[in-house]
Amino acid sequence: MSPERSYNGLTFCELKQFLEEKHNQYNRPSFIPSDPISIPHRFTSLQDREISGFLVAAIAWGRRDLILRSAGILLEAMGNTPYEFVMAADNNDLKRIEKFVHRTFNGTDCTYFMTGLKNIYLNYSSMEDVILEGIAGSGSLKEGISFLRSKFFYGCHERRTEKHFADVMGGAAGKRLNMFLRWMVRNDGRGVDFGIWKRIDPAALYIPLDLHSGNTSRKLGLLKRKINDWKAVEELTANLREFDPADPVKYDFALFGLGVFEKF
């Protein structure tokens, strides 16, 4: 990408300065309480943060206040001990989970999510281990995400549940997955993202792309593709790497804040 390129009237340097300003504005602890990331911030252990983060990310679409309410209901049903619940839940415990509904994510989906997570933690100490095993062959984080999905859906499950764990190899944008990975991997010392996964390079992350960030990116000249799919994720992430090769996904704060809070 050439520094001389124009981005809807802005130069490379002007757009970089704008993105940095918005990143600094929104990447701060005051962002946490109204965001789904507040859910894993309730916990301290790696597994509790992984599981609670993964679950709230899975239902993170729609109004944020309703996402947080649903996540609170689910965690309460899990006794607010996510890892312990996943590993030790009996039939009576799972019956409480069967009543959970958030939009199209229902009790059947939720119950299998517990099964899928248990299968992972019976064989790995962390979801990061699974992703790294998937990366080992190809060096691709995309392959690592897909490998995690295959391990998650190892057990018998209804086909409908698969839509709640995006198939990035099939072209899905995987917004909620990439958001979850941002939470786990990035550690910039600002107190929002956790950085508890130390072996995945933040430079390899992909931008969480949704309606808001997609529209904002197009208005800024960062994204040309019209569809919010995996190809668009790759295009946008590649462009953001030009502004910060080591940490391109930090600009998720800027794109999200501009789209959601400023109706850019």
C-alpha atoms as a PDB file:
ATOM      1  CA  MET A   1       0.000   0.000   0.000  1.00  0.00           C
ATOM      2  CA  SER A   2       1.494   3.298  -1.039  1.00  0.00           C
ATOM      3  CA  PRO A   3       1.678   6.191   1.447  1.00  0.00           C
ATOM      4  CA  GLU A   4       0.582   8.419  -1.438  1.00  0.00           C
ATOM      5  CA  ARG A   5      -2.697   6.557  -1.830  1.00  0.00           C
ATOM      6  CA  SER A   6      -5.831   8.540  -1.018  1.00  0.00           C
ATOM      7  CA  TYR A   7      -8.449   7.096   1.316  1.00  0.00           C
ATOM      8  CA  ASN A   8     -11.655   8.903   0.451  1.00  0.00           C
ATOM      9  CA  GLY A   9      -9.868  12.222   0.671  1.00  0.00           C
ATOM     10  CA  LEU A  10      -7.394  11.333   3.421  1.00  0.00           C
ATOM     11  CA  THR A  11      -3.715  10.606   2.886  1.00  0.00           C
ATOM     12  CA  PHE A  12      -2.091   7.501   4.385  1.00  0.00           C
ATOM     13  CA  CYS A  13      -0.602   9.562   7.210  1.00  0.00           C
ATOM     14  CA  GLU A  14      -3.874  11.386   7.892  1.00  0.00           C
ATOM     15  CA  LEU A  15      -5.845   8.156   8.061  1.00  0.00           C
ATOM     16  CA  LYS A  16      -3.234   6.501  10.278  1.00  0.00           C
ATOM     17  CA  GLN A  17      -3.400   9.455  12.676  1.00  0.00           C
ATOM     18  CA  PHE A  18      -7.213   9.291  12.680  1.00  0.00           C
ATOM     19  CA  LEU A  19      -7.255   5.540  13.357  1.00  0.00           C
ATOM     20  CA  GLU A  20      -4.693   5.920  16.140  1.00  0.00           C
ATOM     21  CA  GLU A  21      -6.739   8.666  17.779  1.00  0.00           C
ATOM     22  CA  LYS A  22      -9.907   6.575  17.705  1.00  0.00           C
ATOM     23  CA  HIS A  23      -8.057   3.489  18.923  1.00  0.00           C
ATOM     24  CA  ASN A  24      -6.710   5.489  21.874  1.00  0.00           C
ATOM     25  CA  GLN A  25     -10.171   6.899  22.550  1.00  0.00           C
ATOM     26  CA  TYR A  26     -11.907   3.527  22.825  1.00  0.00           C
ATOM     27  CA  ASN A  27      -9.177   1.116  23.967  1.00  0.00           C
ATOM     28  CA  ARG A  28      -9.407   1.961  27.644  1.00  0.00           C
ATOM     29  CA  PRO A  29     -10.990   0.396  30.754  1.00  0.00           C
ATOM     30  CA  SER A  30     -14.081   2.620  30.517  1.00  0.00           C
ATOM     31  CA  PHE A  31     -14.956   0.634  27.380  1.00  0.00           C
ATOM     32  CA  ILE A  32     -15.288  -2.615  29.363  1.00  0.00           C
ATOM     33  CA  PRO A  33     -18.559  -2.394  31.379  1.00  0.00           C
ATOM     34  CA  SER A  34     -20.915  -2.060  28.406  1.00  0.00           C
ATOM     35  CA  ASP A  35     -19.065  -4.552  26.187  1.00  0.00           C
ATOM     36  CA  PRO A  36     -19.224  -8.380  26.075  1.00  0.00           C
ATOM     37  CA  ILE A  37     -15.563  -8.459  27.154  1.00  0.00           C
ATOM     38  CA  SER A  38     -16.828  -7.492  30.614  1.00  0.00           C
ATOM     39  CA  ILE A  39     -17.998 -11.096  31.069  1.00  0.00           C
ATOM     40  CA  PRO A  40     -14.564 -12.794  31.041  1.00  0.00           C
ATOM     41  CA  HIS A  41     -13.273  -9.858  33.099  1.00  0.00           C
ATOM     42  CA  ARG A  42     -15.294 -11.319  35.966  1.00  0.00           C
ATOM     43  CA  PHE A  43     -12.860 -14.221  36.234  1.00  0.00           C
ATOM     44  CA  THR A  44      -9.164 -14.721  36.938  1.00  0.00           C
ATOM     45  CA  SER A  45      -8.238 -18.241  35.835  1.00  0.00           C
ATOM     46  CA  LEU A  46      -7.259 -18.939  32.239  1.00  0.00           C
ATOM     47  CA  GLN A  47      -9.905 -21.614  31.690  1.00  0.00           C
ATOM     48  CA  ASP A  48     -12.712 -19.559  33.238  1.00  0.00           C
ATOM     49  CA  ARG A  49     -11.799 -16.609  31.051  1.00  0.00           C
ATOM     50  CA  GLU A  50     -11.561 -18.779  27.949  1.00  0.00           C
ATOM     51  CA  ILE A  51     -14.900 -20.491  28.510  1.00  0.00           C
ATOM     52  CA  SER A  52     -16.852 -17.409  29.580  1.00  0.00           C
ATOM     53  CA  GLY A  53     -15.281 -15.417  26.743  1.00  0.00           C
ATOM     54  CA  PHE A  54     -16.037 -18.081  24.180  1.00  0.00           C
ATOM     55  CA  LEU A  55     -19.646 -18.406  25.323  1.00  0.00           C
ATOM     56  CA  VAL A  56     -20.410 -14.679  25.383  1.00  0.00           C
ATOM     57  CA  ALA A  57     -18.698 -14.266  22.016  1.00  0.00           C
ATOM     58  CA  ALA A  58     -20.917 -17.026  20.618  1.00  0.00           C
ATOM     59  CA  ILE A  59     -24.064 -15.057  21.484  1.00  0.00           C
ATOM     60  CA  ALA A  60     -22.625 -11.598  20.779  1.00  0.00           C
ATOM     61  CA  TRP A  61     -24.995 -10.281  18.186  1.00  0.00           C
ATOM     62  CA  GLY A  62     -27.816  -7.818  18.661  1.00  0.00           C
ATOM     63  CA  ARG A  63     -28.118  -5.202  21.387  1.00  0.00           C
ATOM     64  CA  ARG A  64     -25.185  -5.251  23.756  1.00  0.00           C
ATOM     65  CA  ASP A  65     -27.310  -4.827  26.869  1.00  0.00           C
ATOM     66  CA  LEU A  66     -29.289  -7.929  25.914  1.00  0.00           C
ATOM     67  CA  ILE A  67     -26.089  -9.849  25.190  1.00  0.00           C
ATOM     68  CA  LEU A  68     -24.798  -9.015  28.652  1.00  0.00           C
ATOM     69  CA  ARG A  69     -28.104  -9.945  30.263  1.00  0.00           C
ATOM     70  CA  SER A  70     -28.186 -13.301  28.478  1.00  0.00           C
ATOM     71  CA  ALA A  71     -24.566 -14.002  29.344  1.00  0.00           C
ATOM     72  CA  GLY A  72     -25.302 -13.248  32.998  1.00  0.00           C
ATOM     73  CA  ILE A  73     -28.245 -15.657  32.982  1.00  0.00           C
ATOM     74  CA  LEU A  74     -26.123 -18.387  31.413  1.00  0.00           C
ATOM     75  CA  LEU A  75     -23.248 -17.954  33.838  1.00  0.00           C
ATOM     76  CA  GLU A  76     -25.630 -17.971  36.791  1.00  0.00           C
ATOM     77  CA  ALA A  77     -27.027 -21.286  35.521  1.00  0.00           C
ATOM     78  CA  MET A  78     -23.419 -22.492  35.470  1.00  0.00           C
ATOM     79  CA  GLY A  79     -22.934 -21.436  39.086  1.00  0.00           C
ATOM     80  CA  ASN A  80     -20.560 -18.694  37.940  1.00  0.00           C
ATOM     81  CA  THR A  81     -17.851 -21.364  37.753  1.00  0.00           C
ATOM     82  CA  PRO A  82     -17.517 -21.944  33.989  1.00  0.00           C
ATOM     83  CA  TYR A  83     -14.649 -24.454  33.919  1.00  0.00           C
ATOM     84  CA  GLU A  84     -15.909 -26.446  36.884  1.00  0.00           C
ATOM     85  CA  PHE A  85     -19.383 -26.597  35.374  1.00  0.00           C
ATOM     86  CA  VAL A  86     -18.161 -27.730  31.955  1.00  0.00           C
ATOM     87  CA  MET A  87     -16.064 -30.509  33.461  1.00  0.00           C
ATOM     88  CA  ALA A  88     -18.456 -31.738  36.160  1.00  0.00           C
ATOM     89  CA  ALA A  89     -22.031 -30.948  35.057  1.00  0.00           C
ATOM     90  CA  ASP A  90     -24.487 -33.821  35.536  1.00  0.00           C
ATOM     91  CA  ASN A  91     -27.894 -34.289  33.906  1.00  0.00           C
ATOM     92  CA  ASN A  92     -29.630 -32.039  36.431  1.00  0.00           C
ATOM     93  CA  ASP A  93     -27.099 -29.293  35.772  1.00  0.00           C
ATOM     94  CA  LEU A  94     -27.573 -29.620  32.021  1.00  0.00           C
ATOM     95  CA  LYS A  95     -31.356 -29.376  32.417  1.00  0.00           C
ATOM     96  CA  ARG A  96     -30.867 -25.820  33.675  1.00  0.00           C
ATOM     97  CA  ILE A  97     -28.840 -25.068  30.564  1.00  0.00           C
ATOM     98  CA  GLU A  98     -31.544 -26.508  28.312  1.00  0.00           C
ATOM     99  CA  LYS A  99     -33.786 -23.573  29.244  1.00  0.00           C
ATOM    100  CA  PHE A 100     -31.327 -20.989  27.934  1.00  0.00           C
ATOM    101  CA  VAL A 101     -32.245 -18.961  24.840  1.00  0.00           C
ATOM    102  CA  HIS A 102     -30.578 -15.987  23.189  1.00  0.00           C
ATOM    103  CA  ARG A 103     -32.116 -15.164  19.834  1.00  0.00           C
ATOM    104  CA  THR A 104     -31.499 -18.258  17.661  1.00  0.00           C
ATOM    105  CA  PHE A 105     -29.060 -19.799  20.153  1.00  0.00           C
ATOM    106  CA  ASN A 106     -31.272 -22.190  22.121  1.00  0.00           C
ATOM    107  CA  GLY A 107     -31.013 -24.855  24.804  1.00  0.00           C
ATOM    108  CA  THR A 108     -30.019 -27.558  22.340  1.00  0.00           C
ATOM    109  CA  ASP A 109     -27.149 -25.434  21.095  1.00  0.00           C
ATOM    110  CA  CYS A 110     -26.125 -24.450  24.602  1.00  0.00           C
ATOM    111  CA  THR A 111     -26.099 -28.030  25.870  1.00  0.00           C
ATOM    112  CA  TYR A 112     -23.867 -29.142  23.029  1.00  0.00           C
ATOM    113  CA  PHE A 113     -21.547 -26.203  23.613  1.00  0.00           C
ATOM    114  CA  MET A 114     -20.920 -27.648  27.081  1.00  0.00           C
ATOM    115  CA  THR A 115     -20.194 -31.037  25.525  1.00  0.00           C
ATOM    116  CA  GLY A 116     -17.900 -29.569  22.907  1.00  0.00           C
ATOM    117  CA  LEU A 117     -15.988 -27.562  25.482  1.00  0.00           C
ATOM    118  CA  LYS A 118     -15.637 -30.560  27.786  1.00  0.00           C
ATOM    119  CA  ASN A 119     -14.200 -32.615  24.945  1.00  0.00           C
ATOM    120  CA  ILE A 120     -11.575 -29.935  24.386  1.00  0.00           C
ATOM    121  CA  TYR A 121     -10.581 -29.605  28.044  1.00  0.00           C
ATOM    122  CA  LEU A 122     -10.407 -33.360  28.520  1.00  0.00           C
ATOM    123  CA  ASN A 123      -7.641 -33.380  25.923  1.00  0.00           C
ATOM    124  CA  TYR A 124      -6.035 -29.929  26.152  1.00  0.00           C
ATOM    125  CA  SER A 125      -5.278 -27.462  28.918  1.00  0.00           C
ATOM    126  CA  SER A 126      -6.281 -24.485  26.791  1.00  0.00           C
ATOM    127  CA  MET A 127      -8.047 -23.639  23.542  1.00  0.00           C
ATOM    128  CA  GLU A 128      -4.779 -22.037  22.505  1.00  0.00           C
ATOM    129  CA  ASP A 129      -3.186 -25.493  22.459  1.00  0.00           C
ATOM    130  CA  VAL A 130      -5.828 -26.693  20.001  1.00  0.00           C
ATOM    131  CA  ILE A 131      -5.342 -23.738  17.673  1.00  0.00           C
ATOM    132  CA  LEU A 132      -1.562 -24.130  17.758  1.00  0.00           C
ATOM    133  CA  GLU A 133      -1.897 -27.783  16.823  1.00  0.00           C
ATOM    134  CA  GLY A 134      -3.989 -26.726  13.846  1.00  0.00           C
ATOM    135  CA  ILE A 135      -1.477 -24.051  12.886  1.00  0.00           C
ATOM    136  CA  ALA A 136       1.492 -26.427  13.104  1.00  0.00           C
ATOM    137  CA  GLY A 137       0.945 -27.975   9.684  1.00  0.00           C
ATOM    138  CA  SER A 138       0.268 -24.862   7.620  1.00  0.00           C
ATOM    139  CA  GLY A 139       1.351 -21.901   9.708  1.00  0.00           C
ATOM    140  CA  SER A 140      -2.085 -20.371   9.136  1.00  0.00           C
ATOM    141  CA  LEU A 141      -4.238 -19.027  11.951  1.00  0.00           C
ATOM    142  CA  LYS A 142      -7.224 -19.658   9.707  1.00  0.00           C
ATOM    143  CA  GLU A 143      -6.345 -23.366   9.720  1.00  0.00           C
ATOM    144  CA  GLY A 144      -5.942 -23.208  13.478  1.00  0.00           C
ATOM    145  CA  ILE A 145      -9.425 -21.773  13.907  1.00  0.00           C
ATOM    146  CA  SER A 146     -10.847 -24.474  11.643  1.00  0.00           C
ATOM    147  CA  PHE A 147      -9.042 -27.163  13.617  1.00  0.00           C
ATOM    148  CA  LEU A 148     -10.555 -25.852  16.850  1.00  0.00           C
ATOM    149  CA  ARG A 149     -13.974 -26.062  15.212  1.00  0.00           C
ATOM    150  CA  SER A 150     -13.402 -29.679  14.164  1.00  0.00           C
ATOM    151  CA  LYS A 151     -12.389 -30.641  17.702  1.00  0.00           C
ATOM    152  CA  PHE A 152     -15.353 -28.777  19.123  1.00  0.00           C
ATOM    153  CA  PHE A 153     -17.842 -30.632  16.918  1.00  0.00           C
ATOM    154  CA  TYR A 154     -16.221 -34.025  17.471  1.00  0.00           C
ATOM    155  CA  GLY A 155     -19.260 -35.379  19.346  1.00  0.00           C
ATOM    156  CA  CYS A 156     -22.782 -36.060  18.123  1.00  0.00           C
ATOM    157  CA  HIS A 157     -24.725 -32.862  17.651  1.00  0.00           C
ATOM    158  CA  GLU A 158     -27.555 -31.312  15.700  1.00  0.00           C
ATOM    159  CA  ARG A 159     -26.556 -29.659  12.452  1.00  0.00           C
ATOM    160  CA  ARG A 160     -28.267 -26.417  13.479  1.00  0.00           C
ATOM    161  CA  THR A 161     -25.705 -25.889  16.245  1.00  0.00           C
ATOM    162  CA  GLU A 162     -22.862 -25.574  13.729  1.00  0.00           C
ATOM    163  CA  LYS A 163     -24.032 -22.128  12.641  1.00  0.00           C
ATOM    164  CA  HIS A 164     -23.047 -20.775  16.048  1.00  0.00           C
ATOM    165  CA  PHE A 165     -19.368 -21.597  15.468  1.00  0.00           C
ATOM    166  CA  ALA A 166     -18.414 -19.924  12.199  1.00  0.00           C
ATOM    167  CA  ASP A 167     -16.871 -22.024   9.438  1.00  0.00           C
ATOM    168  CA  VAL A 168     -14.095 -19.727   8.228  1.00  0.00           C
ATOM    169  CA  MET A 169     -12.877 -22.346   5.754  1.00  0.00           C
ATOM    170  CA  GLY A 170     -16.338 -22.162   4.202  1.00  0.00           C
ATOM    171  CA  GLY A 171     -16.034 -18.401   3.780  1.00  0.00           C
ATOM    172  CA  ALA A 172     -17.731 -17.091   6.937  1.00  0.00           C
ATOM    173  CA  ALA A 173     -16.340 -13.836   8.337  1.00  0.00           C
ATOM    174  CA  GLY A 174     -16.108 -15.332  11.835  1.00  0.00           C
ATOM    175  CA  LYS A 175     -16.622 -11.981  13.525  1.00  0.00           C
ATOM    176  CA  ARG A 176     -17.316 -13.418  16.972  1.00  0.00           C
ATOM    177  CA  LEU A 177     -14.430 -15.886  16.769  1.00  0.00           C
ATOM    178  CA  ASN A 178     -11.977 -13.203  15.724  1.00  0.00           C
ATOM    179  CA  MET A 179     -13.252 -10.976  18.514  1.00  0.00           C
ATOM    180  CA  PHE A 180     -12.682 -13.798  21.021  1.00  0.00           C
ATOM    181  CA  LEU A 181      -9.153 -14.317  19.671  1.00  0.00           C
ATOM    182  CA  ARG A 182      -8.458 -10.597  20.006  1.00  0.00           C
ATOM    183  CA  TRP A 183      -9.457 -10.764  23.652  1.00  0.00           C
ATOM    184  CA  MET A 184      -7.254 -13.769  24.376  1.00  0.00           C
ATOM    185  CA  VAL A 185      -4.146 -12.811  22.369  1.00  0.00           C
ATOM    186  CA  ARG A 186      -3.656  -9.029  22.498  1.00  0.00           C
ATOM    187  CA  ASN A 187      -1.834  -7.588  25.492  1.00  0.00           C
ATOM    188  CA  ASP A 188      -1.034  -3.923  25.101  1.00  0.00           C
ATOM    189  CA  GLY A 189      -1.125  -3.123  28.814  1.00  0.00           C
ATOM    190  CA  ARG A 190      -4.282  -1.040  28.542  1.00  0.00           C
ATOM    191  CA  GLY A 191      -6.423  -3.400  30.598  1.00  0.00           C
ATOM    192  CA  VAL A 192      -9.097  -4.272  28.024  1.00  0.00           C
ATOM    193  CA  ASP A 193      -7.813  -7.310  26.116  1.00  0.00           C
ATOM    194  CA  PHE A 194      -6.320 -10.087  28.261  1.00  0.00           C
ATOM    195  CA  GLY A 195      -3.243 -11.342  26.407  1.00  0.00           C
ATOM    196  CA  ILE A 196      -3.390 -14.663  28.261  1.00  0.00           C
ATOM    197  CA  TRP A 197      -2.451 -16.601  25.125  1.00  0.00           C
ATOM    198  CA  LYS A 198       1.267 -15.993  24.774  1.00  0.00           C
ATOM    199  CA  ARG A 199       2.132 -18.225  21.799  1.00  0.00           C
ATOM    200  CA  ILE A 200      -0.021 -16.681  19.075  1.00  0.00           C
ATOM    201  CA  ASP A 201       1.408 -13.546  17.511  1.00  0.00           C
ATOM    202  CA  PRO A 202      -0.981 -10.553  17.551  1.00  0.00           C
ATOM    203  CA  ALA A 203       0.298  -9.774  14.052  1.00  0.00           C
ATOM    204  CA  ALA A 204      -1.430 -12.956  12.833  1.00  0.00           C
ATOM    205  CA  LEU A 205      -4.883 -11.977  14.113  1.00  0.00           C
ATOM    206  CA  TYR A 206      -7.780 -11.112  11.805  1.00  0.00           C
ATOM    207  CA  ILE A 207     -10.116  -8.170  12.234  1.00  0.00           C
ATOM    208  CA  PRO A 208     -13.582  -8.946  13.671  1.00  0.00           C
ATOM    209  CA  LEU A 209     -15.761  -7.850  10.772  1.00  0.00           C
ATOM    210  CA  ASP A 210     -19.450  -7.066  11.145  1.00  0.00           C
ATOM    211  CA  LEU A 211     -21.983  -4.667   9.675  1.00  0.00           C
ATOM    212  CA  HIS A 212     -20.703  -1.644  11.616  1.00  0.00           C
ATOM    213  CA  SER A 213     -16.976  -2.157  11.094  1.00  0.00           C
ATOM    214  CA  GLY A 214     -17.555  -3.128   7.476  1.00  0.00           C
ATOM    215  CA  ASN A 215     -19.534   0.011   6.666  1.00  0.00           C
ATOM    216  CA  THR A 216     -17.028   2.210   8.480  1.00  0.00           C
ATOM    217  CA  SER A 217     -14.119   0.575   6.656  1.00  0.00           C
ATOM    218  CA  ARG A 218     -15.731   1.151   3.278  1.00  0.00           C
ATOM    219  CA  LYS A 219     -16.373   4.811   4.072  1.00  0.00           C
ATOM    220  CA  LEU A 220     -12.702   5.180   5.014  1.00  0.00           C
ATOM    221  CA  GLY A 221     -11.530   3.480   1.826  1.00  0.00           C
ATOM    222  CA  LEU A 222     -10.079   0.504   3.706  1.00  0.00           C
ATOM    223  CA  LEU A 223     -12.395  -2.119   2.220  1.00  0.00           C
ATOM    224  CA  LYS A 224     -13.705  -2.479  -1.297  1.00  0.00           C
ATOM    225  CA  ARG A 225     -15.403  -5.864  -1.114  1.00  0.00           C
ATOM    226  CA  LYS A 226     -19.159  -5.434  -0.710  1.00  0.00           C
ATOM    227  CA  ILE A 227     -19.854  -8.665   1.194  1.00  0.00           C
ATOM    228  CA  ASN A 228     -18.819  -9.182   4.814  1.00  0.00           C
ATOM    229  CA  ASP A 229     -17.219 -12.598   4.330  1.00  0.00           C
ATOM    230  CA  TRP A 230     -13.779 -14.117   4.912  1.00  0.00           C
ATOM    231  CA  LYS A 231     -12.347 -12.535   1.775  1.00  0.00           C
ATOM    232  CA  ALA A 232     -13.385  -9.156   3.135  1.00  0.00           C
ATOM    233  CA  VAL A 233     -11.762 -10.015   6.476  1.00  0.00           C
ATOM    234  CA  GLU A 234      -8.505 -10.811   4.686  1.00  0.00           C
ATOM    235  CA  GLU A 235      -8.666  -7.637   2.590  1.00  0.00           C
ATOM    236  CA  LEU A 236      -9.369  -5.355   5.526  1.00  0.00           C
ATOM    237  CA  THR A 237      -6.804  -7.010   7.797  1.00  0.00           C
ATOM    238  CA  ALA A 238      -4.134  -6.745   5.084  1.00  0.00           C
ATOM    239  CA  ASN A 239      -4.849  -3.029   4.721  1.00  0.00           C
ATOM    240  CA  LEU A 240      -4.740  -2.456   8.483  1.00  0.00           C
ATOM    241  CA  ARG A 241      -1.395  -4.248   8.677  1.00  0.00           C
ATOM    242  CA  GLU A 242       0.006  -1.420   6.581  1.00  0.00           C
ATOM    243  CA  PHE A 243      -0.743   0.951   9.460  1.00  0.00           C
ATOM    244  CA  ASP A 244       0.554  -1.370  12.208  1.00  0.00           C
ATOM    245  CA  PRO A 245       2.134  -4.652  11.032  1.00  0.00           C
ATOM    246  CA  ALA A 246       2.673  -5.894  14.585  1.00  0.00           C
ATOM    247  CA  ASP A 247      -0.846  -5.244  15.892  1.00  0.00           C
ATOM    248  CA  PRO A 248      -3.365  -4.589  13.089  1.00  0.00           C
ATOM    249  CA  VAL A 249      -6.398  -5.710  15.081  1.00  0.00           C
ATOM    250  CA  LYS A 250      -6.001  -2.878  17.585  1.00  0.00           C
ATOM    251  CA  TYR A 251      -7.911  -0.820  15.027  1.00  0.00           C
ATOM    252  CA  ASP A 252     -10.991  -2.895  15.803  1.00  0.00           C
ATOM    253  CA  PHE A 253     -11.543  -0.427  18.642  1.00  0.00           C
ATOM    254  CA  ALA A 254     -11.489   2.463  16.172  1.00  0.00           C
ATOM    255  CA  LEU A 255     -13.772   0.865  13.594  1.00  0.00           C
ATOM    256  CA  PHE A 256     -16.206  -0.384  16.234  1.00  0.00           C
ATOM    257  CA  GLY A 257     -16.315   2.919  18.104  1.00  0.00           C
ATOM    258  CA  LEU A 258     -16.823   4.923  14.931  1.00  0.00           C
ATOM    259  CA  GLY A 259     -19.594   2.625  13.721  1.00  0.00           C
ATOM    260  CA  VAL A 260     -21.488   1.977  16.955  1.00  0.00           C
ATOM    261  CA  PHE A 261     -20.933   5.050  19.102  1.00  0.00           C
ATOM    262  CA  GLU A 262     -20.438   7.751  16.453  1.00  0.00           C
ATOM    263  CA  LYS A 263     -22.683   6.364  13.685  1.00  0.00           C
ATOM    264  CA  PHE A 264     -19.852   7.235  11.305  1.00  0.00           C
END
